[in-house]
Amino acid sequence: LAAGIGWWFGAGPGASVTIADVRGQSVDTARLVLDEQGAAVADATTEVFDLEVAAGLVAGTDPPAGEVIDRETVVTILVSKGPEPTTVPDVVGQPEADARIALEGAGFKIGEAIAQFDPDVPEGSVIAVVDEAEATLAAGAESFKGTAVRLLVSVGAIPSVRGLTVEAAQAALSARGLTGIVGGESEFDNEVALGDVLRLERTTDGPVRPGSTLTIIVSRGPDLVEVPNVVGKPINEAVDILEEAGFEVDLDTNVPPGLRDSPLAPVQSTNPSGGERVLRNSPVTVVANY
């Protein structure tokens, strides 16, 4: 009667067993757990590489944990040999698809690629291999099979927006998944008109990726300064005034150097004339002749 009751509740011959999860336990402990379940445990163990379980501990079973088996099915304990060594292949500059094949062949687990702007790497090619913390893994570096990595993949250069209107620059950036906001200090530029875009600056440290925001620096236009009126002044005094104002001075004079401080040989004219607005550091010709 007892034997019949035991068979009815799954303790007798032909009953099924759900294999316990013994991963990470010692071999002796795993045997005890499986024996208590009534599983038929093989005397011999099998060694396997495992990225997470330390060498000597149980990496799993064959059949695996959670599987429902007949009691007669032999369960083999898999013992970890620790992580299986491998090295990082050189995939920088390769198309993403080729890089994935190389990394998978080396045993890496590859996650979703990270798009990043890079003017030096063609669009669609690999900038770097990184770990889950985005630390770069150099080609040839030692690692382990099963390690999770990701690819930084170039989306090309950030659009060139110098000389565009702010609205045109923002549209060009938006088309590449970037946001441009006007900020920073505007600057003089002799080639870019007032209010147009000089350049872009990062708003934060780190790489620029789709979704990033960039600061648009706008131009104050040409750096124009007014030519001082030095007509009637001694030559040397006129030269000093013009140089202090940021001009390069050319002399057109037959007055000897010794008389150039004399009011008897004053400046007769300048080119450009006093009062004109010209670019800073422009040349100004001082005319003073007998």
C-alpha atoms as a PDB file:
ATOM      1  CA  LEU A   1       0.000   0.000   0.000  1.00  0.00           C
ATOM      2  CA  ALA A   2       2.812   2.456   0.908  1.00  0.00           C
ATOM      3  CA  ALA A   3       4.601   1.733  -2.346  1.00  0.00           C
ATOM      4  CA  GLY A   4       1.405   2.349  -4.231  1.00  0.00           C
ATOM      5  CA  ILE A   5       0.841   5.658  -2.484  1.00  0.00           C
ATOM      6  CA  GLY A   6       4.471   6.701  -3.195  1.00  0.00           C
ATOM      7  CA  TRP A   7       4.075   5.915  -6.872  1.00  0.00           C
ATOM      8  CA  TRP A   8       0.819   7.901  -6.979  1.00  0.00           C
ATOM      9  CA  PHE A   9       2.527  11.038  -5.639  1.00  0.00           C
ATOM     10  CA  GLY A  10       5.544  10.827  -7.940  1.00  0.00           C
ATOM     11  CA  ALA A  11       8.061   9.007  -5.744  1.00  0.00           C
ATOM     12  CA  GLY A  12       8.037   5.668  -7.546  1.00  0.00           C
ATOM     13  CA  PRO A  13       9.466   4.365 -10.783  1.00  0.00           C
ATOM     14  CA  GLY A  14       8.461   6.326 -13.862  1.00  0.00           C
ATOM     15  CA  ALA A  15       7.747   9.538 -11.940  1.00  0.00           C
ATOM     16  CA  SER A  16       9.057  12.830 -13.361  1.00  0.00           C
ATOM     17  CA  VAL A  17      11.535  15.287 -11.849  1.00  0.00           C
ATOM     18  CA  THR A  18      11.989  19.014 -12.481  1.00  0.00           C
ATOM     19  CA  ILE A  19      15.735  19.585 -12.403  1.00  0.00           C
ATOM     20  CA  ALA A  20      16.784  22.028  -9.681  1.00  0.00           C
ATOM     21  CA  ASP A  21      18.949  25.060 -10.414  1.00  0.00           C
ATOM     22  CA  VAL A  22      22.312  24.269  -8.833  1.00  0.00           C
ATOM     23  CA  ARG A  23      24.355  26.827 -10.766  1.00  0.00           C
ATOM     24  CA  GLY A  24      27.087  28.436  -8.651  1.00  0.00           C
ATOM     25  CA  GLN A  25      27.030  25.705  -5.990  1.00  0.00           C
ATOM     26  CA  SER A  26      29.799  23.260  -5.156  1.00  0.00           C
ATOM     27  CA  VAL A  27      29.677  19.884  -6.864  1.00  0.00           C
ATOM     28  CA  ASP A  28      28.968  18.092  -3.575  1.00  0.00           C
ATOM     29  CA  THR A  29      26.087  20.416  -2.731  1.00  0.00           C
ATOM     30  CA  ALA A  30      24.667  20.051  -6.233  1.00  0.00           C
ATOM     31  CA  ARG A  31      24.766  16.266  -5.922  1.00  0.00           C
ATOM     32  CA  LEU A  32      22.898  16.393  -2.612  1.00  0.00           C
ATOM     33  CA  VAL A  33      20.199  18.655  -4.032  1.00  0.00           C
ATOM     34  CA  LEU A  34      19.703  16.499  -7.117  1.00  0.00           C
ATOM     35  CA  ASP A  35      19.812  13.276  -5.118  1.00  0.00           C
ATOM     36  CA  GLU A  36      17.136  14.598  -2.769  1.00  0.00           C
ATOM     37  CA  GLN A  37      14.970  15.254  -5.815  1.00  0.00           C
ATOM     38  CA  GLY A  38      15.396  11.647  -6.833  1.00  0.00           C
ATOM     39  CA  ALA A  39      17.315  12.497 -10.020  1.00  0.00           C
ATOM     40  CA  ALA A  40      19.800   9.974 -11.422  1.00  0.00           C
ATOM     41  CA  VAL A  41      23.102  11.888 -11.215  1.00  0.00           C
ATOM     42  CA  ALA A  42      26.074  10.703 -13.277  1.00  0.00           C
ATOM     43  CA  ASP A  43      29.245   9.947 -11.349  1.00  0.00           C
ATOM     44  CA  ALA A  44      31.386  11.780 -13.921  1.00  0.00           C
ATOM     45  CA  THR A  45      31.155  15.518 -14.379  1.00  0.00           C
ATOM     46  CA  THR A  46      31.787  17.547 -17.536  1.00  0.00           C
ATOM     47  CA  GLU A  47      33.938  20.672 -17.601  1.00  0.00           C
ATOM     48  CA  VAL A  48      32.703  23.718 -19.506  1.00  0.00           C
ATOM     49  CA  PHE A  49      33.789  27.325 -19.873  1.00  0.00           C
ATOM     50  CA  ASP A  50      31.564  29.867 -18.113  1.00  0.00           C
ATOM     51  CA  LEU A  51      31.931  33.646 -18.103  1.00  0.00           C
ATOM     52  CA  GLU A  52      30.218  34.164 -14.738  1.00  0.00           C
ATOM     53  CA  VAL A  53      30.771  31.075 -12.561  1.00  0.00           C
ATOM     54  CA  ALA A  54      34.175  30.649 -10.918  1.00  0.00           C
ATOM     55  CA  ALA A  55      36.244  27.639 -11.858  1.00  0.00           C
ATOM     56  CA  GLY A  56      35.369  24.543  -9.832  1.00  0.00           C
ATOM     57  CA  LEU A  57      31.770  25.490  -9.140  1.00  0.00           C
ATOM     58  CA  VAL A  58      28.723  24.161 -10.928  1.00  0.00           C
ATOM     59  CA  ALA A  59      27.939  25.954 -14.187  1.00  0.00           C
ATOM     60  CA  GLY A  60      24.735  23.978 -14.769  1.00  0.00           C
ATOM     61  CA  THR A  61      23.389  20.566 -15.639  1.00  0.00           C
ATOM     62  CA  ASP A  62      22.643  18.499 -18.687  1.00  0.00           C
ATOM     63  CA  PRO A  63      19.638  18.434 -19.109  1.00  0.00           C
ATOM     64  CA  PRO A  64      19.361  22.037 -17.863  1.00  0.00           C
ATOM     65  CA  ALA A  65      17.644  23.364 -14.753  1.00  0.00           C
ATOM     66  CA  GLY A  66      13.873  23.611 -14.998  1.00  0.00           C
ATOM     67  CA  GLU A  67      13.522  20.774 -17.473  1.00  0.00           C
ATOM     68  CA  VAL A  68      11.083  18.016 -16.532  1.00  0.00           C
ATOM     69  CA  ILE A  69      12.620  14.549 -16.984  1.00  0.00           C
ATOM     70  CA  ASP A  70      11.865  10.940 -16.114  1.00  0.00           C
ATOM     71  CA  ARG A  71      13.671   9.686 -13.036  1.00  0.00           C
ATOM     72  CA  GLU A  72      15.609   7.252 -15.166  1.00  0.00           C
ATOM     73  CA  THR A  73      17.164  10.099 -17.199  1.00  0.00           C
ATOM     74  CA  VAL A  74      20.791  10.617 -16.189  1.00  0.00           C
ATOM     75  CA  VAL A  75      21.700  14.165 -15.169  1.00  0.00           C
ATOM     76  CA  THR A  76      25.306  15.288 -15.715  1.00  0.00           C
ATOM     77  CA  ILE A  77      26.744  18.076 -13.577  1.00  0.00           C
ATOM     78  CA  LEU A  78      28.618  20.705 -15.601  1.00  0.00           C
ATOM     79  CA  VAL A  79      31.615  22.144 -13.770  1.00  0.00           C
ATOM     80  CA  SER A  80      32.948  25.589 -14.681  1.00  0.00           C
ATOM     81  CA  LYS A  81      36.473  26.031 -16.023  1.00  0.00           C
ATOM     82  CA  GLY A  82      36.006  29.770 -15.700  1.00  0.00           C
ATOM     83  CA  PRO A  83      35.821  32.197 -18.648  1.00  0.00           C
ATOM     84  CA  GLU A  84      37.163  31.094 -22.026  1.00  0.00           C
ATOM     85  CA  PRO A  85      39.953  33.452 -23.163  1.00  0.00           C
ATOM     86  CA  THR A  86      39.787  35.345 -26.433  1.00  0.00           C
ATOM     87  CA  THR A  87      41.183  38.544 -27.916  1.00  0.00           C
ATOM     88  CA  VAL A  88      39.516  41.601 -29.428  1.00  0.00           C
ATOM     89  CA  PRO A  89      39.789  41.539 -33.229  1.00  0.00           C
ATOM     90  CA  ASP A  90      40.842  44.670 -35.112  1.00  0.00           C
ATOM     91  CA  VAL A  91      37.591  45.955 -36.613  1.00  0.00           C
ATOM     92  CA  VAL A  92      38.105  49.731 -36.493  1.00  0.00           C
ATOM     93  CA  GLY A  93      37.304  51.237 -39.880  1.00  0.00           C
ATOM     94  CA  GLN A  94      35.421  48.155 -41.067  1.00  0.00           C
ATOM     95  CA  PRO A  95      31.754  48.211 -42.107  1.00  0.00           C
ATOM     96  CA  GLU A  96      29.500  47.350 -39.174  1.00  0.00           C
ATOM     97  CA  ALA A  97      28.339  44.037 -40.676  1.00  0.00           C
ATOM     98  CA  ASP A  98      31.920  42.801 -41.168  1.00  0.00           C
ATOM     99  CA  ALA A  99      32.874  43.878 -37.643  1.00  0.00           C
ATOM    100  CA  ARG A 100      29.965  41.962 -36.153  1.00  0.00           C
ATOM    101  CA  ILE A 101      31.005  38.787 -37.954  1.00  0.00           C
ATOM    102  CA  ALA A 102      34.578  39.129 -36.662  1.00  0.00           C
ATOM    103  CA  LEU A 103      33.478  39.768 -33.075  1.00  0.00           C
ATOM    104  CA  GLU A 104      30.964  36.930 -33.084  1.00  0.00           C
ATOM    105  CA  GLY A 105      33.684  34.649 -34.430  1.00  0.00           C
ATOM    106  CA  ALA A 106      35.854  35.662 -31.468  1.00  0.00           C
ATOM    107  CA  GLY A 107      33.023  34.733 -29.098  1.00  0.00           C
ATOM    108  CA  PHE A 108      31.761  38.153 -28.094  1.00  0.00           C
ATOM    109  CA  LYS A 109      28.123  38.958 -27.381  1.00  0.00           C
ATOM    110  CA  ILE A 110      27.327  42.054 -29.426  1.00  0.00           C
ATOM    111  CA  GLY A 111      24.662  44.531 -28.385  1.00  0.00           C
ATOM    112  CA  GLU A 112      22.984  47.325 -30.314  1.00  0.00           C
ATOM    113  CA  ALA A 113      25.377  49.674 -32.102  1.00  0.00           C
ATOM    114  CA  ILE A 114      25.876  53.245 -30.889  1.00  0.00           C
ATOM    115  CA  ALA A 115      25.731  55.890 -33.616  1.00  0.00           C
ATOM    116  CA  GLN A 116      28.297  58.673 -33.285  1.00  0.00           C
ATOM    117  CA  PHE A 117      29.493  61.551 -35.451  1.00  0.00           C
ATOM    118  CA  ASP A 118      33.087  61.235 -36.631  1.00  0.00           C
ATOM    119  CA  PRO A 119      34.581  63.176 -39.556  1.00  0.00           C
ATOM    120  CA  ASP A 120      37.487  60.740 -39.916  1.00  0.00           C
ATOM    121  CA  VAL A 121      35.550  57.469 -40.164  1.00  0.00           C
ATOM    122  CA  PRO A 122      33.250  56.769 -43.135  1.00  0.00           C
ATOM    123  CA  GLU A 123      29.554  56.558 -42.419  1.00  0.00           C
ATOM    124  CA  GLY A 124      28.550  53.033 -41.444  1.00  0.00           C
ATOM    125  CA  SER A 125      32.052  52.005 -40.374  1.00  0.00           C
ATOM    126  CA  VAL A 126      33.323  51.206 -36.896  1.00  0.00           C
ATOM    127  CA  ILE A 127      34.907  53.878 -34.704  1.00  0.00           C
ATOM    128  CA  ALA A 128      35.628  51.594 -31.748  1.00  0.00           C
ATOM    129  CA  VAL A 129      34.618  48.503 -29.806  1.00  0.00           C
ATOM    130  CA  VAL A 130      33.438  49.329 -26.271  1.00  0.00           C
ATOM    131  CA  ASP A 131      32.298  47.386 -23.227  1.00  0.00           C
ATOM    132  CA  GLU A 132      28.999  47.953 -21.413  1.00  0.00           C
ATOM    133  CA  ALA A 133      30.485  50.978 -19.612  1.00  0.00           C
ATOM    134  CA  GLU A 134      31.596  52.341 -23.026  1.00  0.00           C
ATOM    135  CA  ALA A 135      35.277  51.896 -22.230  1.00  0.00           C
ATOM    136  CA  THR A 136      37.224  51.264 -25.439  1.00  0.00           C
ATOM    137  CA  LEU A 137      38.553  47.743 -26.041  1.00  0.00           C
ATOM    138  CA  ALA A 138      41.715  47.976 -28.119  1.00  0.00           C
ATOM    139  CA  ALA A 139      42.454  45.519 -30.892  1.00  0.00           C
ATOM    140  CA  GLY A 140      44.429  42.593 -29.511  1.00  0.00           C
ATOM    141  CA  ALA A 141      43.285  43.169 -25.928  1.00  0.00           C
ATOM    142  CA  GLU A 142      42.689  40.035 -23.873  1.00  0.00           C
ATOM    143  CA  SER A 143      39.078  39.255 -23.005  1.00  0.00           C
ATOM    144  CA  PHE A 144      36.685  36.330 -22.560  1.00  0.00           C
ATOM    145  CA  LYS A 145      34.129  34.689 -24.789  1.00  0.00           C
ATOM    146  CA  GLY A 146      30.616  35.757 -23.909  1.00  0.00           C
ATOM    147  CA  THR A 147      31.699  39.264 -22.938  1.00  0.00           C
ATOM    148  CA  ALA A 148      29.095  41.852 -23.922  1.00  0.00           C
ATOM    149  CA  VAL A 149      30.383  44.550 -26.256  1.00  0.00           C
ATOM    150  CA  ARG A 150      28.947  47.278 -28.457  1.00  0.00           C
ATOM    151  CA  LEU A 151      30.141  48.997 -31.601  1.00  0.00           C
ATOM    152  CA  LEU A 152      30.527  52.727 -32.017  1.00  0.00           C
ATOM    153  CA  VAL A 153      29.484  53.266 -35.621  1.00  0.00           C
ATOM    154  CA  SER A 154      30.147  56.478 -37.522  1.00  0.00           C
ATOM    155  CA  VAL A 155      27.336  58.525 -39.024  1.00  0.00           C
ATOM    156  CA  GLY A 156      29.883  60.788 -40.701  1.00  0.00           C
ATOM    157  CA  ALA A 157      30.741  64.401 -39.989  1.00  0.00           C
ATOM    158  CA  ILE A 158      28.591  66.970 -38.231  1.00  0.00           C
ATOM    159  CA  PRO A 159      27.026  69.157 -40.929  1.00  0.00           C
ATOM    160  CA  SER A 160      29.051  72.228 -41.895  1.00  0.00           C
ATOM    161  CA  VAL A 161      26.911  75.264 -41.077  1.00  0.00           C
ATOM    162  CA  ARG A 162      29.406  78.162 -41.198  1.00  0.00           C
ATOM    163  CA  GLY A 163      27.934  81.098 -43.074  1.00  0.00           C
ATOM    164  CA  LEU A 164      24.353  79.787 -42.958  1.00  0.00           C
ATOM    165  CA  THR A 165      21.492  81.636 -41.359  1.00  0.00           C
ATOM    166  CA  VAL A 166      20.533  80.318 -37.936  1.00  0.00           C
ATOM    167  CA  GLU A 167      17.325  78.857 -39.339  1.00  0.00           C
ATOM    168  CA  ALA A 168      19.146  77.061 -42.169  1.00  0.00           C
ATOM    169  CA  ALA A 169      21.751  75.730 -39.749  1.00  0.00           C
ATOM    170  CA  GLN A 170      19.099  74.416 -37.382  1.00  0.00           C
ATOM    171  CA  ALA A 171      17.341  72.689 -40.278  1.00  0.00           C
ATOM    172  CA  ALA A 172      20.598  71.064 -41.434  1.00  0.00           C
ATOM    173  CA  LEU A 173      21.324  69.837 -37.915  1.00  0.00           C
ATOM    174  CA  SER A 174      17.778  68.579 -37.391  1.00  0.00           C
ATOM    175  CA  ALA A 175      18.028  66.521 -40.589  1.00  0.00           C
ATOM    176  CA  ARG A 176      20.922  64.637 -38.953  1.00  0.00           C
ATOM    177  CA  GLY A 177      19.182  64.173 -35.611  1.00  0.00           C
ATOM    178  CA  LEU A 178      20.857  67.125 -33.873  1.00  0.00           C
ATOM    179  CA  THR A 179      19.462  70.210 -32.151  1.00  0.00           C
ATOM    180  CA  GLY A 180      21.085  73.618 -32.515  1.00  0.00           C
ATOM    181  CA  ILE A 181      20.477  76.456 -30.043  1.00  0.00           C
ATOM    182  CA  VAL A 182      21.945  79.948 -30.260  1.00  0.00           C
ATOM    183  CA  GLY A 183      24.207  80.715 -27.338  1.00  0.00           C
ATOM    184  CA  GLY A 184      27.691  81.635 -26.234  1.00  0.00           C
ATOM    185  CA  GLU A 185      29.407  84.908 -27.150  1.00  0.00           C
ATOM    186  CA  SER A 186      29.027  86.229 -30.682  1.00  0.00           C
ATOM    187  CA  GLU A 187      32.297  87.131 -32.379  1.00  0.00           C
ATOM    188  CA  PHE A 188      33.552  89.414 -35.101  1.00  0.00           C
ATOM    189  CA  ASP A 189      34.282  87.736 -38.407  1.00  0.00           C
ATOM    190  CA  ASN A 190      35.323  89.484 -41.574  1.00  0.00           C
ATOM    191  CA  GLU A 191      33.818  86.781 -43.802  1.00  0.00           C
ATOM    192  CA  VAL A 192      30.523  85.889 -42.103  1.00  0.00           C
ATOM    193  CA  ALA A 193      27.716  88.426 -42.099  1.00  0.00           C
ATOM    194  CA  LEU A 194      26.163  89.774 -38.927  1.00  0.00           C
ATOM    195  CA  GLY A 195      23.788  87.233 -37.377  1.00  0.00           C
ATOM    196  CA  ASP A 196      24.872  84.271 -39.484  1.00  0.00           C
ATOM    197  CA  VAL A 197      26.504  81.146 -38.065  1.00  0.00           C
ATOM    198  CA  LEU A 198      30.203  81.120 -37.236  1.00  0.00           C
ATOM    199  CA  ARG A 199      30.563  77.636 -35.757  1.00  0.00           C
ATOM    200  CA  LEU A 200      29.116  74.999 -33.465  1.00  0.00           C
ATOM    201  CA  GLU A 201      30.203  74.157 -29.935  1.00  0.00           C
ATOM    202  CA  ARG A 202      29.328  71.181 -27.752  1.00  0.00           C
ATOM    203  CA  THR A 203      27.021  71.856 -24.839  1.00  0.00           C
ATOM    204  CA  THR A 204      28.522  68.962 -22.862  1.00  0.00           C
ATOM    205  CA  ASP A 205      31.747  66.998 -22.784  1.00  0.00           C
ATOM    206  CA  GLY A 206      31.929  63.754 -24.696  1.00  0.00           C
ATOM    207  CA  PRO A 207      31.095  62.582 -28.194  1.00  0.00           C
ATOM    208  CA  VAL A 208      28.379  64.020 -30.409  1.00  0.00           C
ATOM    209  CA  ARG A 209      25.634  61.528 -31.216  1.00  0.00           C
ATOM    210  CA  PRO A 210      22.199  61.750 -32.819  1.00  0.00           C
ATOM    211  CA  GLY A 211      20.011  63.426 -30.220  1.00  0.00           C
ATOM    212  CA  SER A 212      22.784  65.747 -29.004  1.00  0.00           C
ATOM    213  CA  THR A 213      22.334  69.494 -28.658  1.00  0.00           C
ATOM    214  CA  LEU A 214      24.943  71.892 -30.037  1.00  0.00           C
ATOM    215  CA  THR A 215      25.446  75.584 -29.362  1.00  0.00           C
ATOM    216  CA  ILE A 216      25.347  77.877 -32.383  1.00  0.00           C
ATOM    217  CA  ILE A 217      27.809  80.775 -32.208  1.00  0.00           C
ATOM    218  CA  VAL A 218      26.753  83.667 -34.426  1.00  0.00           C
ATOM    219  CA  SER A 219      28.797  86.366 -36.112  1.00  0.00           C
ATOM    220  CA  ARG A 220      28.945  90.014 -35.133  1.00  0.00           C
ATOM    221  CA  GLY A 221      29.938  90.716 -38.704  1.00  0.00           C
ATOM    222  CA  PRO A 222      33.174  92.368 -39.845  1.00  0.00           C
ATOM    223  CA  ASP A 223      35.285  94.022 -37.144  1.00  0.00           C
ATOM    224  CA  LEU A 224      35.062  97.605 -38.405  1.00  0.00           C
ATOM    225  CA  VAL A 225      36.801 100.534 -36.739  1.00  0.00           C
ATOM    226  CA  GLU A 226      36.803 104.229 -37.562  1.00  0.00           C
ATOM    227  CA  VAL A 227      39.956 105.748 -39.029  1.00  0.00           C
ATOM    228  CA  PRO A 228      41.107 108.576 -36.709  1.00  0.00           C
ATOM    229  CA  ASN A 229      41.402 111.997 -38.303  1.00  0.00           C
ATOM    230  CA  VAL A 230      45.127 112.807 -38.093  1.00  0.00           C
ATOM    231  CA  VAL A 231      45.330 115.462 -40.811  1.00  0.00           C
ATOM    232  CA  GLY A 232      47.392 118.404 -39.573  1.00  0.00           C
ATOM    233  CA  LYS A 233      49.224 116.414 -36.920  1.00  0.00           C
ATOM    234  CA  PRO A 234      52.972 115.739 -36.966  1.00  0.00           C
ATOM    235  CA  ILE A 235      53.819 112.556 -38.833  1.00  0.00           C
ATOM    236  CA  ASN A 236      55.104 110.526 -35.874  1.00  0.00           C
ATOM    237  CA  GLU A 237      52.150 111.501 -33.706  1.00  0.00           C
ATOM    238  CA  ALA A 238      49.753 110.515 -36.497  1.00  0.00           C
ATOM    239  CA  VAL A 239      51.479 107.169 -36.874  1.00  0.00           C
ATOM    240  CA  ASP A 240      51.193 106.485 -33.130  1.00  0.00           C
ATOM    241  CA  ILE A 241      47.486 107.343 -33.104  1.00  0.00           C
ATOM    242  CA  LEU A 242      46.719 105.098 -36.059  1.00  0.00           C
ATOM    243  CA  GLU A 243      48.703 102.144 -34.718  1.00  0.00           C
ATOM    244  CA  GLU A 244      47.014 102.397 -31.314  1.00  0.00           C
ATOM    245  CA  ALA A 245      43.687 102.270 -33.142  1.00  0.00           C
ATOM    246  CA  GLY A 246      44.683  98.960 -34.686  1.00  0.00           C
ATOM    247  CA  PHE A 247      45.881  99.976 -38.148  1.00  0.00           C
ATOM    248  CA  GLU A 248      48.988  99.135 -40.118  1.00  0.00           C
ATOM    249  CA  VAL A 249      50.571 102.402 -41.256  1.00  0.00           C
ATOM    250  CA  ASP A 250      52.261 102.980 -44.608  1.00  0.00           C
ATOM    251  CA  LEU A 251      54.113 106.272 -45.027  1.00  0.00           C
ATOM    252  CA  ASP A 252      54.034 108.288 -48.233  1.00  0.00           C
ATOM    253  CA  THR A 253      56.366 111.098 -47.362  1.00  0.00           C
ATOM    254  CA  ASN A 254      59.536 112.893 -48.414  1.00  0.00           C
ATOM    255  CA  VAL A 255      59.957 114.446 -44.980  1.00  0.00           C
ATOM    256  CA  PRO A 256      63.297 113.394 -43.402  1.00  0.00           C
ATOM    257  CA  PRO A 257      62.991 111.295 -40.213  1.00  0.00           C
ATOM    258  CA  GLY A 258      64.461 114.081 -38.122  1.00  0.00           C
ATOM    259  CA  LEU A 259      61.590 116.432 -38.984  1.00  0.00           C
ATOM    260  CA  ARG A 260      58.689 114.022 -38.553  1.00  0.00           C
ATOM    261  CA  ASP A 261      57.898 115.291 -35.077  1.00  0.00           C
ATOM    262  CA  SER A 262      57.709 118.869 -36.335  1.00  0.00           C
ATOM    263  CA  PRO A 263      54.357 120.612 -36.823  1.00  0.00           C
ATOM    264  CA  LEU A 264      56.006 122.267 -39.850  1.00  0.00           C
ATOM    265  CA  ALA A 265      55.617 119.036 -41.825  1.00  0.00           C
ATOM    266  CA  PRO A 266      52.099 117.875 -40.898  1.00  0.00           C
ATOM    267  CA  VAL A 267      50.036 115.049 -42.330  1.00  0.00           C
ATOM    268  CA  GLN A 268      48.171 116.251 -45.387  1.00  0.00           C
ATOM    269  CA  SER A 269      45.827 113.279 -45.901  1.00  0.00           C
ATOM    270  CA  THR A 270      45.221 109.571 -45.197  1.00  0.00           C
ATOM    271  CA  ASN A 271      43.865 106.785 -47.313  1.00  0.00           C
ATOM    272  CA  PRO A 272      41.289 105.736 -46.175  1.00  0.00           C
ATOM    273  CA  SER A 273      40.271 109.145 -44.907  1.00  0.00           C
ATOM    274  CA  GLY A 274      39.586 109.996 -41.288  1.00  0.00           C
ATOM    275  CA  GLY A 275      36.055 109.020 -40.236  1.00  0.00           C
ATOM    276  CA  GLU A 276      35.768 106.069 -42.614  1.00  0.00           C
ATOM    277  CA  ARG A 277      34.993 102.656 -41.086  1.00  0.00           C
ATOM    278  CA  VAL A 278      37.289  99.898 -42.280  1.00  0.00           C
ATOM    279  CA  LEU A 279      38.439  96.487 -41.092  1.00  0.00           C
ATOM    280  CA  ARG A 280      40.614  96.426 -38.002  1.00  0.00           C
ATOM    281  CA  ASN A 281      44.302  95.982 -38.857  1.00  0.00           C
ATOM    282  CA  SER A 282      43.740  97.373 -42.347  1.00  0.00           C
ATOM    283  CA  PRO A 283      46.598  99.386 -43.855  1.00  0.00           C
ATOM    284  CA  VAL A 284      46.289 103.179 -43.752  1.00  0.00           C
ATOM    285  CA  THR A 285      48.521 105.305 -45.924  1.00  0.00           C
ATOM    286  CA  VAL A 286      49.715 108.565 -44.348  1.00  0.00           C
ATOM    287  CA  VAL A 287      50.576 111.281 -46.883  1.00  0.00           C
ATOM    288  CA  ALA A 288      52.926 114.109 -45.790  1.00  0.00           C
ATOM    289  CA  ASN A 289      55.136 115.849 -48.342  1.00  0.00           C
ATOM    290  CA  TYR A 290      56.821 119.211 -48.644  1.00  0.00           C
END
